[in-house]
Amino acid sequence: MKIRWVSLRWLSVPVCIWFFVAVAAGETYHLAPTSKTVTWGYFDATTPPVLRVHSGDMVDIETLVAAVPAQLEAAGIKRDQIQPALLEIDREVKDRGEVPHILSGPIYVEGAEPGDVLEVKILSIDLTVPYAVNFFLPGRGFLPDEFPYAYAKATSLDMARQVANFAPGVAVPLHPFFGVMGVAPPALTGRVSSGPPWIHSGNMDNKELVAGTTLYMSVHVPGALFSAGDGHAAQGDGEVCVTAMETSLRGTFQLTVRKDMKLRWPRAETPTHYLTMGFNENLEEAAKIALNEMLDFLVSEKHLTRSEAYILASDAVDLRITQLVDGKKGVHALLPKAIFIH
């Protein structure tokens, strides 16, 4: 497979904008973060795509840590350790949402129409810097009254041992995943913050979505307009302080339009589990959404009655708190594949 680079010189401006143009289905493309190829803190159906691909194509996407350079320096990262792309984006991008999610994209997938499903196979995820940062701010996190101040911390990442050296005697296993993967929301909603997850997926912060898993998302606008970012080196269910181990990642995704599926909320599939998700300001309502989505899956895909599905969920499905701090809380339901013997 080839990666095609195309340079277009716009006559109305004196600069040359570099980006990648899809030339044939089944190829692999590379999307690097620059001030011309990212959005900052929002999803919007009117955002022009920075890349167009065909269904089934693969895209190698680089993403940047969800923090501004000043936050990295406050955590102890030296200026010369900050990626030049982040410095350029921080300097040039003025159109910003309320959270520092620097999202690579959006990517237009040819043939995707509202009502379809975008299948995103996460083929690989690699760390691209040897550090991660955590921080919290006054009024944020799950315990805002107990931590009414700002704090930032850097953690070195040991690639050879695959651990984060959190503190002397504390080594956290690396578990990289993208906190934000999403498509454009319905056009009538206008711009939405990348902070709360919703039917467009977005900031799910679901630590199950590592390399080897597949994410399914409902398409709301032509082309789907897929974006990714908010790389995490590790995270606990809950993400209680409002950040995970924030870092820069590079991932390879295969984007496929599924016209044989219909979804409202995102679903996923790991090598060992089926996974449904729910998001709501109320944790109990989020749990109800995730559970009802799992019941729907069991009825439509495993051909159980809804009563049987309800009982099986009680016997075999785990409900887990995805995160508690993104405006809309998240719950995901995990169903082991091993229970199905045929």
C-alpha atoms as a PDB file:
ATOM      1  CA  MET A   1       0.000   0.000   0.000  1.00  0.00           C
ATOM      2  CA  LYS A   2       1.191   3.493  -0.782  1.00  0.00           C
ATOM      3  CA  ILE A   3       0.906   6.783   1.029  1.00  0.00           C
ATOM      4  CA  ARG A   4       0.221   9.569  -1.457  1.00  0.00           C
ATOM      5  CA  TRP A   5       1.302  13.154  -0.689  1.00  0.00           C
ATOM      6  CA  VAL A   6      -0.388  15.910  -2.645  1.00  0.00           C
ATOM      7  CA  SER A   7       0.432  19.613  -2.524  1.00  0.00           C
ATOM      8  CA  LEU A   8      -2.182  22.126  -3.669  1.00  0.00           C
ATOM      9  CA  ARG A   9      -1.252  25.778  -4.127  1.00  0.00           C
ATOM     10  CA  TRP A  10      -4.261  28.042  -3.692  1.00  0.00           C
ATOM     11  CA  LEU A  11      -3.961  31.088  -5.939  1.00  0.00           C
ATOM     12  CA  SER A  12      -5.792  33.312  -3.452  1.00  0.00           C
ATOM     13  CA  VAL A  13      -3.182  32.893  -0.692  1.00  0.00           C
ATOM     14  CA  PRO A  14       0.601  32.967  -0.824  1.00  0.00           C
ATOM     15  CA  VAL A  15       1.141  29.786   1.179  1.00  0.00           C
ATOM     16  CA  CYS A  16       1.178  26.156   0.212  1.00  0.00           C
ATOM     17  CA  ILE A  17      -1.152  23.932   2.245  1.00  0.00           C
ATOM     18  CA  TRP A  18      -0.058  20.326   2.578  1.00  0.00           C
ATOM     19  CA  PHE A  19      -2.560  17.559   3.128  1.00  0.00           C
ATOM     20  CA  PHE A  20      -3.404  14.116   1.816  1.00  0.00           C
ATOM     21  CA  VAL A  21      -5.967  13.302  -0.846  1.00  0.00           C
ATOM     22  CA  ALA A  22      -7.451   9.864  -1.275  1.00  0.00           C
ATOM     23  CA  VAL A  23      -6.721   8.463  -4.723  1.00  0.00           C
ATOM     24  CA  ALA A  24      -7.976   4.901  -4.541  1.00  0.00           C
ATOM     25  CA  ALA A  25      -9.851   2.629  -2.204  1.00  0.00           C
ATOM     26  CA  GLY A  26      -7.799   0.246  -0.098  1.00  0.00           C
ATOM     27  CA  GLU A  27      -4.859   2.591   0.379  1.00  0.00           C
ATOM     28  CA  THR A  28      -3.343   3.896   3.600  1.00  0.00           C
ATOM     29  CA  TYR A  29      -3.112   7.607   4.356  1.00  0.00           C
ATOM     30  CA  HIS A  30      -1.231   9.596   6.951  1.00  0.00           C
ATOM     31  CA  LEU A  31      -2.752  12.535   8.816  1.00  0.00           C
ATOM     32  CA  ALA A  32      -0.370  14.687  10.825  1.00  0.00           C
ATOM     33  CA  PRO A  33      -1.532  17.432  13.222  1.00  0.00           C
ATOM     34  CA  THR A  34      -0.939  20.985  12.025  1.00  0.00           C
ATOM     35  CA  SER A  35      -2.879  24.207  12.454  1.00  0.00           C
ATOM     36  CA  LYS A  36      -4.643  23.304   9.169  1.00  0.00           C
ATOM     37  CA  THR A  37      -5.597  19.715  10.052  1.00  0.00           C
ATOM     38  CA  VAL A  38      -7.045  19.924  13.585  1.00  0.00           C
ATOM     39  CA  THR A  39     -10.014  21.296  15.457  1.00  0.00           C
ATOM     40  CA  TRP A  40      -9.678  22.456  19.043  1.00  0.00           C
ATOM     41  CA  GLY A  41     -12.295  21.377  21.543  1.00  0.00           C
ATOM     42  CA  TYR A  42     -15.385  20.908  19.385  1.00  0.00           C
ATOM     43  CA  PHE A  43     -17.301  18.849  16.828  1.00  0.00           C
ATOM     44  CA  ASP A  44     -19.237  20.651  14.098  1.00  0.00           C
ATOM     45  CA  ALA A  45     -20.989  19.346  10.994  1.00  0.00           C
ATOM     46  CA  THR A  46     -19.875  22.434   9.051  1.00  0.00           C
ATOM     47  CA  THR A  47     -16.135  21.864   9.604  1.00  0.00           C
ATOM     48  CA  PRO A  48     -14.495  21.197   6.210  1.00  0.00           C
ATOM     49  CA  PRO A  49     -12.769  17.811   6.016  1.00  0.00           C
ATOM     50  CA  VAL A  50      -8.972  17.765   5.897  1.00  0.00           C
ATOM     51  CA  LEU A  51      -8.882  14.325   4.270  1.00  0.00           C
ATOM     52  CA  ARG A  52     -11.220  12.268   2.080  1.00  0.00           C
ATOM     53  CA  VAL A  53     -11.021   8.468   2.005  1.00  0.00           C
ATOM     54  CA  HIS A  54     -13.046   5.571   0.664  1.00  0.00           C
ATOM     55  CA  SER A  55     -14.823   2.969   2.745  1.00  0.00           C
ATOM     56  CA  GLY A  56     -12.284   0.342   3.785  1.00  0.00           C
ATOM     57  CA  ASP A  57      -9.273   2.641   3.601  1.00  0.00           C
ATOM     58  CA  MET A  58      -6.821   2.897   6.487  1.00  0.00           C
ATOM     59  CA  VAL A  59      -5.611   6.128   8.025  1.00  0.00           C
ATOM     60  CA  ASP A  60      -2.499   6.544  10.144  1.00  0.00           C
ATOM     61  CA  ILE A  61      -3.424   9.413  12.479  1.00  0.00           C
ATOM     62  CA  GLU A  62      -1.057  11.341  14.735  1.00  0.00           C
ATOM     63  CA  THR A  63      -2.620  13.150  17.687  1.00  0.00           C
ATOM     64  CA  LEU A  64      -1.293  15.552  20.287  1.00  0.00           C
ATOM     65  CA  VAL A  65      -1.573  15.603  24.055  1.00  0.00           C
ATOM     66  CA  ALA A  66      -4.733  17.339  25.336  1.00  0.00           C
ATOM     67  CA  ALA A  67      -2.915  20.187  27.042  1.00  0.00           C
ATOM     68  CA  VAL A  68      -1.588  23.595  26.116  1.00  0.00           C
ATOM     69  CA  PRO A  69       2.178  24.163  26.339  1.00  0.00           C
ATOM     70  CA  ALA A  70       1.749  26.232  29.511  1.00  0.00           C
ATOM     71  CA  GLN A  71       0.070  23.269  31.230  1.00  0.00           C
ATOM     72  CA  LEU A  72       2.871  20.957  30.156  1.00  0.00           C
ATOM     73  CA  GLU A  73       5.480  23.344  31.519  1.00  0.00           C
ATOM     74  CA  ALA A  74       3.548  23.704  34.777  1.00  0.00           C
ATOM     75  CA  ALA A  75       3.675  19.922  35.093  1.00  0.00           C
ATOM     76  CA  GLY A  76       7.457  19.932  34.679  1.00  0.00           C
ATOM     77  CA  ILE A  77       7.881  19.291  30.947  1.00  0.00           C
ATOM     78  CA  LYS A  78      10.705  21.397  29.523  1.00  0.00           C
ATOM     79  CA  ARG A  79       9.998  23.628  26.544  1.00  0.00           C
ATOM     80  CA  ASP A  80      12.356  21.678  24.276  1.00  0.00           C
ATOM     81  CA  GLN A  81      10.426  18.465  25.068  1.00  0.00           C
ATOM     82  CA  ILE A  82       7.162  19.885  23.728  1.00  0.00           C
ATOM     83  CA  GLN A  83       6.351  18.759  20.210  1.00  0.00           C
ATOM     84  CA  PRO A  84       6.834  21.495  17.594  1.00  0.00           C
ATOM     85  CA  ALA A  85       3.393  20.727  16.135  1.00  0.00           C
ATOM     86  CA  LEU A  86       1.756  21.547  19.474  1.00  0.00           C
ATOM     87  CA  LEU A  87       3.647  24.831  19.718  1.00  0.00           C
ATOM     88  CA  GLU A  88       2.584  25.735  16.164  1.00  0.00           C
ATOM     89  CA  ILE A  89      -1.049  24.833  16.792  1.00  0.00           C
ATOM     90  CA  ASP A  90      -1.129  26.710  20.094  1.00  0.00           C
ATOM     91  CA  ARG A  91       0.289  29.763  18.321  1.00  0.00           C
ATOM     92  CA  GLU A  92      -1.877  29.656  15.194  1.00  0.00           C
ATOM     93  CA  VAL A  93      -5.277  28.163  16.118  1.00  0.00           C
ATOM     94  CA  LYS A  94      -7.559  30.830  17.600  1.00  0.00           C
ATOM     95  CA  ASP A  95     -10.920  29.092  17.126  1.00  0.00           C
ATOM     96  CA  ARG A  96     -11.050  27.036  20.318  1.00  0.00           C
ATOM     97  CA  GLY A  97     -13.629  25.237  22.393  1.00  0.00           C
ATOM     98  CA  GLU A  98     -13.669  25.128  26.168  1.00  0.00           C
ATOM     99  CA  VAL A  99     -11.468  22.026  26.560  1.00  0.00           C
ATOM    100  CA  PRO A 100      -7.954  21.488  25.125  1.00  0.00           C
ATOM    101  CA  HIS A 101      -8.832  18.496  22.957  1.00  0.00           C
ATOM    102  CA  ILE A 102      -6.720  18.929  19.826  1.00  0.00           C
ATOM    103  CA  LEU A 103      -8.516  16.630  17.392  1.00  0.00           C
ATOM    104  CA  SER A 104      -6.919  15.434  14.172  1.00  0.00           C
ATOM    105  CA  GLY A 105      -9.502  15.635  11.396  1.00  0.00           C
ATOM    106  CA  PRO A 106     -12.228  15.611  10.372  1.00  0.00           C
ATOM    107  CA  ILE A 107     -12.002  12.831   7.803  1.00  0.00           C
ATOM    108  CA  TYR A 108     -14.693  12.452   5.150  1.00  0.00           C
ATOM    109  CA  VAL A 109     -15.529   8.826   4.331  1.00  0.00           C
ATOM    110  CA  GLU A 110     -17.003   8.539   0.842  1.00  0.00           C
ATOM    111  CA  GLY A 111     -20.432   6.923   0.757  1.00  0.00           C
ATOM    112  CA  ALA A 112     -21.292   7.524   4.415  1.00  0.00           C
ATOM    113  CA  GLU A 113     -24.797   8.933   4.756  1.00  0.00           C
ATOM    114  CA  PRO A 114     -26.984   9.834   7.739  1.00  0.00           C
ATOM    115  CA  GLY A 115     -28.403   6.661   9.242  1.00  0.00           C
ATOM    116  CA  ASP A 116     -25.412   4.525   8.260  1.00  0.00           C
ATOM    117  CA  VAL A 117     -22.871   3.258  10.760  1.00  0.00           C
ATOM    118  CA  LEU A 118     -19.153   4.018  10.648  1.00  0.00           C
ATOM    119  CA  GLU A 119     -17.068   1.015  11.649  1.00  0.00           C
ATOM    120  CA  VAL A 120     -13.686   2.036  13.068  1.00  0.00           C
ATOM    121  CA  LYS A 121     -11.198  -0.781  13.472  1.00  0.00           C
ATOM    122  CA  ILE A 122      -8.376   0.304  15.767  1.00  0.00           C
ATOM    123  CA  LEU A 123      -5.469  -1.596  14.242  1.00  0.00           C
ATOM    124  CA  SER A 124      -2.583  -0.156  16.246  1.00  0.00           C
ATOM    125  CA  ILE A 125      -1.790   2.497  18.842  1.00  0.00           C
ATOM    126  CA  ASP A 126       1.718   3.773  19.594  1.00  0.00           C
ATOM    127  CA  LEU A 127       3.038   6.296  22.096  1.00  0.00           C
ATOM    128  CA  THR A 128       5.002   9.134  20.472  1.00  0.00           C
ATOM    129  CA  VAL A 129       6.453  11.002  23.468  1.00  0.00           C
ATOM    130  CA  PRO A 130       8.109   9.561  26.606  1.00  0.00           C
ATOM    131  CA  TYR A 131       5.861  11.391  29.058  1.00  0.00           C
ATOM    132  CA  ALA A 132       2.287  11.935  30.117  1.00  0.00           C
ATOM    133  CA  VAL A 133       0.670  14.644  32.227  1.00  0.00           C
ATOM    134  CA  ASN A 134      -2.248  14.850  34.630  1.00  0.00           C
ATOM    135  CA  PHE A 135      -3.823  17.998  35.967  1.00  0.00           C
ATOM    136  CA  PHE A 136      -6.952  19.160  37.714  1.00  0.00           C
ATOM    137  CA  LEU A 137      -8.501  22.585  38.151  1.00  0.00           C
ATOM    138  CA  PRO A 138     -10.717  24.207  40.795  1.00  0.00           C
ATOM    139  CA  GLY A 139     -14.358  23.240  40.406  1.00  0.00           C
ATOM    140  CA  ARG A 140     -13.603  20.235  38.198  1.00  0.00           C
ATOM    141  CA  GLY A 141     -13.282  16.518  38.793  1.00  0.00           C
ATOM    142  CA  PHE A 142     -15.440  14.199  40.872  1.00  0.00           C
ATOM    143  CA  LEU A 143     -14.350  15.707  44.206  1.00  0.00           C
ATOM    144  CA  PRO A 144     -14.224  19.446  43.427  1.00  0.00           C
ATOM    145  CA  ASP A 145     -14.830  20.609  46.989  1.00  0.00           C
ATOM    146  CA  GLU A 146     -11.952  18.516  48.316  1.00  0.00           C
ATOM    147  CA  PHE A 147      -9.466  19.773  45.726  1.00  0.00           C
ATOM    148  CA  PRO A 148     -10.284  23.492  45.243  1.00  0.00           C
ATOM    149  CA  TYR A 149      -6.944  24.304  43.615  1.00  0.00           C
ATOM    150  CA  ALA A 150      -4.947  23.642  40.459  1.00  0.00           C
ATOM    151  CA  TYR A 151      -2.332  20.917  40.264  1.00  0.00           C
ATOM    152  CA  ALA A 152      -0.275  19.396  37.444  1.00  0.00           C
ATOM    153  CA  LYS A 153       1.987  16.364  37.355  1.00  0.00           C
ATOM    154  CA  ALA A 154       4.234  14.829  34.701  1.00  0.00           C
ATOM    155  CA  THR A 155       4.944  11.104  34.551  1.00  0.00           C
ATOM    156  CA  SER A 156       7.745   9.476  32.560  1.00  0.00           C
ATOM    157  CA  LEU A 157       6.824   6.541  30.328  1.00  0.00           C
ATOM    158  CA  ASP A 158       9.146   3.547  30.188  1.00  0.00           C
ATOM    159  CA  MET A 159       8.568   2.143  26.706  1.00  0.00           C
ATOM    160  CA  ALA A 160      10.837  -0.865  27.272  1.00  0.00           C
ATOM    161  CA  ARG A 161       9.054  -2.010  30.432  1.00  0.00           C
ATOM    162  CA  GLN A 162       5.671  -0.689  29.237  1.00  0.00           C
ATOM    163  CA  VAL A 163       4.967   1.120  32.488  1.00  0.00           C
ATOM    164  CA  ALA A 164       4.462   4.699  33.632  1.00  0.00           C
ATOM    165  CA  ASN A 165       6.788   5.649  36.492  1.00  0.00           C
ATOM    166  CA  PHE A 166       4.155   7.467  38.518  1.00  0.00           C
ATOM    167  CA  ALA A 167       6.154   7.732  41.749  1.00  0.00           C
ATOM    168  CA  PRO A 168       8.932   5.824  43.548  1.00  0.00           C
ATOM    169  CA  GLY A 169       7.611   2.308  43.945  1.00  0.00           C
ATOM    170  CA  VAL A 170       4.521   3.006  41.772  1.00  0.00           C
ATOM    171  CA  ALA A 171       4.571   1.694  38.194  1.00  0.00           C
ATOM    172  CA  VAL A 172       1.303   1.876  36.245  1.00  0.00           C
ATOM    173  CA  PRO A 173       1.013  -0.494  33.248  1.00  0.00           C
ATOM    174  CA  LEU A 174       0.710   1.354  29.947  1.00  0.00           C
ATOM    175  CA  HIS A 175      -2.692   0.934  28.332  1.00  0.00           C
ATOM    176  CA  PRO A 176      -2.827   3.477  25.476  1.00  0.00           C
ATOM    177  CA  PHE A 177      -6.132   4.450  23.908  1.00  0.00           C
ATOM    178  CA  PHE A 178      -7.797   7.491  22.354  1.00  0.00           C
ATOM    179  CA  GLY A 179     -10.117   9.269  24.790  1.00  0.00           C
ATOM    180  CA  VAL A 180     -11.881  11.020  21.913  1.00  0.00           C
ATOM    181  CA  MET A 181     -13.071   9.292  18.762  1.00  0.00           C
ATOM    182  CA  GLY A 182     -16.157  10.672  17.125  1.00  0.00           C
ATOM    183  CA  VAL A 183     -18.087  11.829  14.112  1.00  0.00           C
ATOM    184  CA  ALA A 184     -19.891  15.095  13.459  1.00  0.00           C
ATOM    185  CA  PRO A 185     -23.138  15.559  15.417  1.00  0.00           C
ATOM    186  CA  PRO A 186     -26.443  16.200  13.604  1.00  0.00           C
ATOM    187  CA  ALA A 187     -26.214  19.442  11.639  1.00  0.00           C
ATOM    188  CA  LEU A 188     -29.145  21.059  13.473  1.00  0.00           C
ATOM    189  CA  THR A 189     -27.342  20.818  16.817  1.00  0.00           C
ATOM    190  CA  GLY A 190     -24.621  23.155  15.588  1.00  0.00           C
ATOM    191  CA  ARG A 191     -21.218  23.099  17.216  1.00  0.00           C
ATOM    192  CA  VAL A 192     -20.906  20.923  20.316  1.00  0.00           C
ATOM    193  CA  SER A 193     -18.090  20.830  22.849  1.00  0.00           C
ATOM    194  CA  SER A 194     -15.738  17.881  22.671  1.00  0.00           C
ATOM    195  CA  GLY A 195     -16.021  17.631  26.464  1.00  0.00           C
ATOM    196  CA  PRO A 196     -19.272  15.669  26.947  1.00  0.00           C
ATOM    197  CA  PRO A 197     -19.783  12.456  24.957  1.00  0.00           C
ATOM    198  CA  TRP A 198     -23.071  11.966  23.136  1.00  0.00           C
ATOM    199  CA  ILE A 199     -24.630  10.104  20.200  1.00  0.00           C
ATOM    200  CA  HIS A 200     -21.701  11.270  18.037  1.00  0.00           C
ATOM    201  CA  SER A 201     -19.399   9.416  20.503  1.00  0.00           C
ATOM    202  CA  GLY A 202     -16.637  11.972  21.103  1.00  0.00           C
ATOM    203  CA  ASN A 203     -15.033  12.090  24.543  1.00  0.00           C
ATOM    204  CA  MET A 204     -16.021   8.599  25.653  1.00  0.00           C
ATOM    205  CA  ASP A 205     -12.829   8.048  27.687  1.00  0.00           C
ATOM    206  CA  ASN A 206     -13.479   4.314  27.458  1.00  0.00           C
ATOM    207  CA  LYS A 207     -10.300   2.473  28.372  1.00  0.00           C
ATOM    208  CA  GLU A 208     -11.541  -0.714  26.663  1.00  0.00           C
ATOM    209  CA  LEU A 209     -11.011   0.864  23.218  1.00  0.00           C
ATOM    210  CA  VAL A 210      -7.411  -0.211  22.779  1.00  0.00           C
ATOM    211  CA  ALA A 211      -5.687  -1.619  19.689  1.00  0.00           C
ATOM    212  CA  GLY A 212      -7.542  -4.672  18.423  1.00  0.00           C
ATOM    213  CA  THR A 213     -11.016  -3.342  19.180  1.00  0.00           C
ATOM    214  CA  THR A 214     -13.702  -2.068  16.816  1.00  0.00           C
ATOM    215  CA  LEU A 215     -15.939   0.939  17.433  1.00  0.00           C
ATOM    216  CA  TYR A 216     -19.320   1.435  15.753  1.00  0.00           C
ATOM    217  CA  MET A 217     -20.872   4.917  15.524  1.00  0.00           C
ATOM    218  CA  SER A 218     -24.034   6.233  13.933  1.00  0.00           C
ATOM    219  CA  VAL A 219     -23.455   8.633  11.037  1.00  0.00           C
ATOM    220  CA  HIS A 220     -25.302  11.981  11.213  1.00  0.00           C
ATOM    221  CA  VAL A 221     -23.981  13.941   8.230  1.00  0.00           C
ATOM    222  CA  PRO A 222     -22.651  12.991   4.775  1.00  0.00           C
ATOM    223  CA  GLY A 223     -19.099  11.673   5.024  1.00  0.00           C
ATOM    224  CA  ALA A 224     -19.385  11.025   8.783  1.00  0.00           C
ATOM    225  CA  LEU A 225     -16.492  13.463   9.489  1.00  0.00           C
ATOM    226  CA  PHE A 226     -14.391  11.321  11.827  1.00  0.00           C
ATOM    227  CA  SER A 227     -11.887  12.875  14.248  1.00  0.00           C
ATOM    228  CA  ALA A 228      -9.631  11.457  16.957  1.00  0.00           C
ATOM    229  CA  GLY A 229      -7.475  12.780  19.770  1.00  0.00           C
ATOM    230  CA  ASP A 230      -7.072  13.008  23.547  1.00  0.00           C
ATOM    231  CA  GLY A 231      -4.488  10.238  23.795  1.00  0.00           C
ATOM    232  CA  HIS A 232      -4.205   8.427  27.121  1.00  0.00           C
ATOM    233  CA  ALA A 233      -1.268   6.302  28.274  1.00  0.00           C
ATOM    234  CA  ALA A 234      -3.387   4.826  31.079  1.00  0.00           C
ATOM    235  CA  GLN A 235      -6.668   5.505  32.866  1.00  0.00           C
ATOM    236  CA  GLY A 236      -8.848   4.003  35.541  1.00  0.00           C
ATOM    237  CA  ASP A 237     -12.579   3.551  35.082  1.00  0.00           C
ATOM    238  CA  GLY A 238     -14.032   6.802  36.346  1.00  0.00           C
ATOM    239  CA  GLU A 239     -11.191   9.192  35.367  1.00  0.00           C
ATOM    240  CA  VAL A 240     -12.033  10.886  38.669  1.00  0.00           C
ATOM    241  CA  CYS A 241      -9.653  13.886  38.661  1.00  0.00           C
ATOM    242  CA  VAL A 242     -10.850  14.907  35.132  1.00  0.00           C
ATOM    243  CA  THR A 243      -7.696  13.786  33.289  1.00  0.00           C
ATOM    244  CA  ALA A 244      -6.095  10.461  32.493  1.00  0.00           C
ATOM    245  CA  MET A 245      -2.373  10.132  31.737  1.00  0.00           C
ATOM    246  CA  GLU A 246      -2.603  12.594  28.854  1.00  0.00           C
ATOM    247  CA  THR A 247      -0.108  11.971  26.061  1.00  0.00           C
ATOM    248  CA  SER A 248       0.444  12.017  22.308  1.00  0.00           C
ATOM    249  CA  LEU A 249      -0.429   8.945  20.266  1.00  0.00           C
ATOM    250  CA  ARG A 250      -0.286   7.592  16.756  1.00  0.00           C
ATOM    251  CA  GLY A 251      -2.965   5.151  15.670  1.00  0.00           C
ATOM    252  CA  THR A 252      -3.904   3.264  12.537  1.00  0.00           C
ATOM    253  CA  PHE A 253      -7.636   3.037  11.850  1.00  0.00           C
ATOM    254  CA  GLN A 254      -9.632   1.282   9.151  1.00  0.00           C
ATOM    255  CA  LEU A 255     -12.792   3.239   8.338  1.00  0.00           C
ATOM    256  CA  THR A 256     -15.670   1.284   6.805  1.00  0.00           C
ATOM    257  CA  VAL A 257     -19.223   2.380   6.024  1.00  0.00           C
ATOM    258  CA  ARG A 258     -21.813  -0.118   7.260  1.00  0.00           C
ATOM    259  CA  LYS A 259     -25.181   0.220   5.566  1.00  0.00           C
ATOM    260  CA  ASP A 260     -26.401  -3.016   7.131  1.00  0.00           C
ATOM    261  CA  MET A 261     -26.421  -1.596  10.677  1.00  0.00           C
ATOM    262  CA  LYS A 262     -28.540   0.977  12.506  1.00  0.00           C
ATOM    263  CA  LEU A 263     -27.462   2.461  15.842  1.00  0.00           C
ATOM    264  CA  ARG A 264     -28.338   5.339  18.120  1.00  0.00           C
ATOM    265  CA  TRP A 265     -25.549   5.045  20.691  1.00  0.00           C
ATOM    266  CA  PRO A 266     -21.996   3.869  20.020  1.00  0.00           C
ATOM    267  CA  ARG A 267     -21.104   0.228  20.455  1.00  0.00           C
ATOM    268  CA  ALA A 268     -17.824  -1.638  20.355  1.00  0.00           C
ATOM    269  CA  GLU A 269     -16.355  -5.085  20.115  1.00  0.00           C
ATOM    270  CA  THR A 270     -13.144  -6.275  21.748  1.00  0.00           C
ATOM    271  CA  PRO A 271     -11.483  -9.633  21.048  1.00  0.00           C
ATOM    272  CA  THR A 272     -13.261 -11.003  24.130  1.00  0.00           C
ATOM    273  CA  HIS A 273     -16.396  -8.881  24.711  1.00  0.00           C
ATOM    274  CA  TYR A 274     -19.338  -7.095  23.134  1.00  0.00           C
ATOM    275  CA  LEU A 275     -19.667  -3.587  24.539  1.00  0.00           C
ATOM    276  CA  THR A 276     -22.510  -1.047  24.660  1.00  0.00           C
ATOM    277  CA  MET A 277     -22.367   2.479  26.047  1.00  0.00           C
ATOM    278  CA  GLY A 278     -24.625   5.113  27.564  1.00  0.00           C
ATOM    279  CA  PHE A 279     -24.016   8.784  28.374  1.00  0.00           C
ATOM    280  CA  ASN A 280     -26.145  11.112  30.474  1.00  0.00           C
ATOM    281  CA  GLU A 281     -25.774  13.822  33.087  1.00  0.00           C
ATOM    282  CA  ASN A 282     -27.300  11.328  35.532  1.00  0.00           C
ATOM    283  CA  LEU A 283     -25.256   8.191  36.182  1.00  0.00           C
ATOM    284  CA  GLU A 284     -28.318   5.990  36.651  1.00  0.00           C
ATOM    285  CA  GLU A 285     -29.768   7.141  33.332  1.00  0.00           C
ATOM    286  CA  ALA A 286     -26.430   6.435  31.634  1.00  0.00           C
ATOM    287  CA  ALA A 287     -26.535   2.920  33.072  1.00  0.00           C
ATOM    288  CA  LYS A 288     -30.080   2.427  31.777  1.00  0.00           C
ATOM    289  CA  ILE A 289     -29.012   3.473  28.266  1.00  0.00           C
ATOM    290  CA  ALA A 290     -26.027   1.090  28.271  1.00  0.00           C
ATOM    291  CA  LEU A 291     -28.178  -1.764  29.579  1.00  0.00           C
ATOM    292  CA  ASN A 292     -31.024  -1.188  27.123  1.00  0.00           C
ATOM    293  CA  GLU A 293     -28.498  -1.057  24.288  1.00  0.00           C
ATOM    294  CA  MET A 294     -27.153  -4.423  25.423  1.00  0.00           C
ATOM    295  CA  LEU A 295     -30.669  -5.873  25.562  1.00  0.00           C
ATOM    296  CA  ASP A 296     -31.290  -4.605  22.037  1.00  0.00           C
ATOM    297  CA  PHE A 297     -28.067  -6.283  20.918  1.00  0.00           C
ATOM    298  CA  LEU A 298     -29.021  -9.601  22.499  1.00  0.00           C
ATOM    299  CA  VAL A 299     -32.454  -9.520  20.868  1.00  0.00           C
ATOM    300  CA  SER A 300     -31.303  -8.460  17.393  1.00  0.00           C
ATOM    301  CA  GLU A 301     -27.971 -10.281  17.151  1.00  0.00           C
ATOM    302  CA  LYS A 302     -28.358 -13.294  19.468  1.00  0.00           C
ATOM    303  CA  HIS A 303     -32.092 -13.821  18.875  1.00  0.00           C
ATOM    304  CA  LEU A 304     -33.151 -13.912  22.504  1.00  0.00           C
ATOM    305  CA  THR A 305     -36.504 -12.634  23.710  1.00  0.00           C
ATOM    306  CA  ARG A 306     -36.256  -9.367  25.582  1.00  0.00           C
ATOM    307  CA  SER A 307     -37.174 -11.178  28.803  1.00  0.00           C
ATOM    308  CA  GLU A 308     -34.366 -13.695  28.231  1.00  0.00           C
ATOM    309  CA  ALA A 309     -31.981 -10.860  27.420  1.00  0.00           C
ATOM    310  CA  TYR A 310     -32.862  -9.069  30.672  1.00  0.00           C
ATOM    311  CA  ILE A 311     -32.120 -12.212  32.686  1.00  0.00           C
ATOM    312  CA  LEU A 312     -28.892 -12.958  30.787  1.00  0.00           C
ATOM    313  CA  ALA A 313     -27.720  -9.393  31.439  1.00  0.00           C
ATOM    314  CA  SER A 314     -28.221 -10.013  35.134  1.00  0.00           C
ATOM    315  CA  ASP A 315     -26.265 -13.264  34.894  1.00  0.00           C
ATOM    316  CA  ALA A 316     -23.389 -12.375  32.580  1.00  0.00           C
ATOM    317  CA  VAL A 317     -23.134  -8.640  31.787  1.00  0.00           C
ATOM    318  CA  ASP A 318     -20.840  -6.297  33.745  1.00  0.00           C
ATOM    319  CA  LEU A 319     -21.847  -2.639  34.043  1.00  0.00           C
ATOM    320  CA  ARG A 320     -18.851  -0.383  34.564  1.00  0.00           C
ATOM    321  CA  ILE A 321     -18.452   3.328  35.122  1.00  0.00           C
ATOM    322  CA  THR A 322     -16.619   4.682  32.092  1.00  0.00           C
ATOM    323  CA  GLN A 323     -16.028   8.177  33.446  1.00  0.00           C
ATOM    324  CA  LEU A 324     -17.642  10.546  35.943  1.00  0.00           C
ATOM    325  CA  VAL A 325     -16.217  13.917  34.965  1.00  0.00           C
ATOM    326  CA  ASP A 326     -17.102  14.911  31.396  1.00  0.00           C
ATOM    327  CA  GLY A 327     -20.411  16.667  31.919  1.00  0.00           C
ATOM    328  CA  LYS A 328     -22.263  13.570  30.756  1.00  0.00           C
ATOM    329  CA  LYS A 329     -21.275  10.541  32.797  1.00  0.00           C
ATOM    330  CA  GLY A 330     -20.562   7.281  31.019  1.00  0.00           C
ATOM    331  CA  VAL A 331     -21.451   3.657  31.698  1.00  0.00           C
ATOM    332  CA  HIS A 332     -20.486   0.714  29.527  1.00  0.00           C
ATOM    333  CA  ALA A 333     -21.831  -2.828  29.529  1.00  0.00           C
ATOM    334  CA  LEU A 334     -19.524  -5.766  28.823  1.00  0.00           C
ATOM    335  CA  LEU A 335     -20.809  -9.108  27.563  1.00  0.00           C
ATOM    336  CA  PRO A 336     -18.260 -11.958  27.254  1.00  0.00           C
ATOM    337  CA  LYS A 337     -18.184 -13.618  23.844  1.00  0.00           C
ATOM    338  CA  ALA A 338     -17.126 -16.926  25.398  1.00  0.00           C
ATOM    339  CA  ILE A 339     -20.660 -17.671  26.646  1.00  0.00           C
ATOM    340  CA  PHE A 340     -21.859 -18.165  23.070  1.00  0.00           C
ATOM    341  CA  ILE A 341     -20.858 -21.687  22.102  1.00  0.00           C
ATOM    342  CA  HIS A 342     -22.134 -21.805  18.502  1.00  0.00           C
END
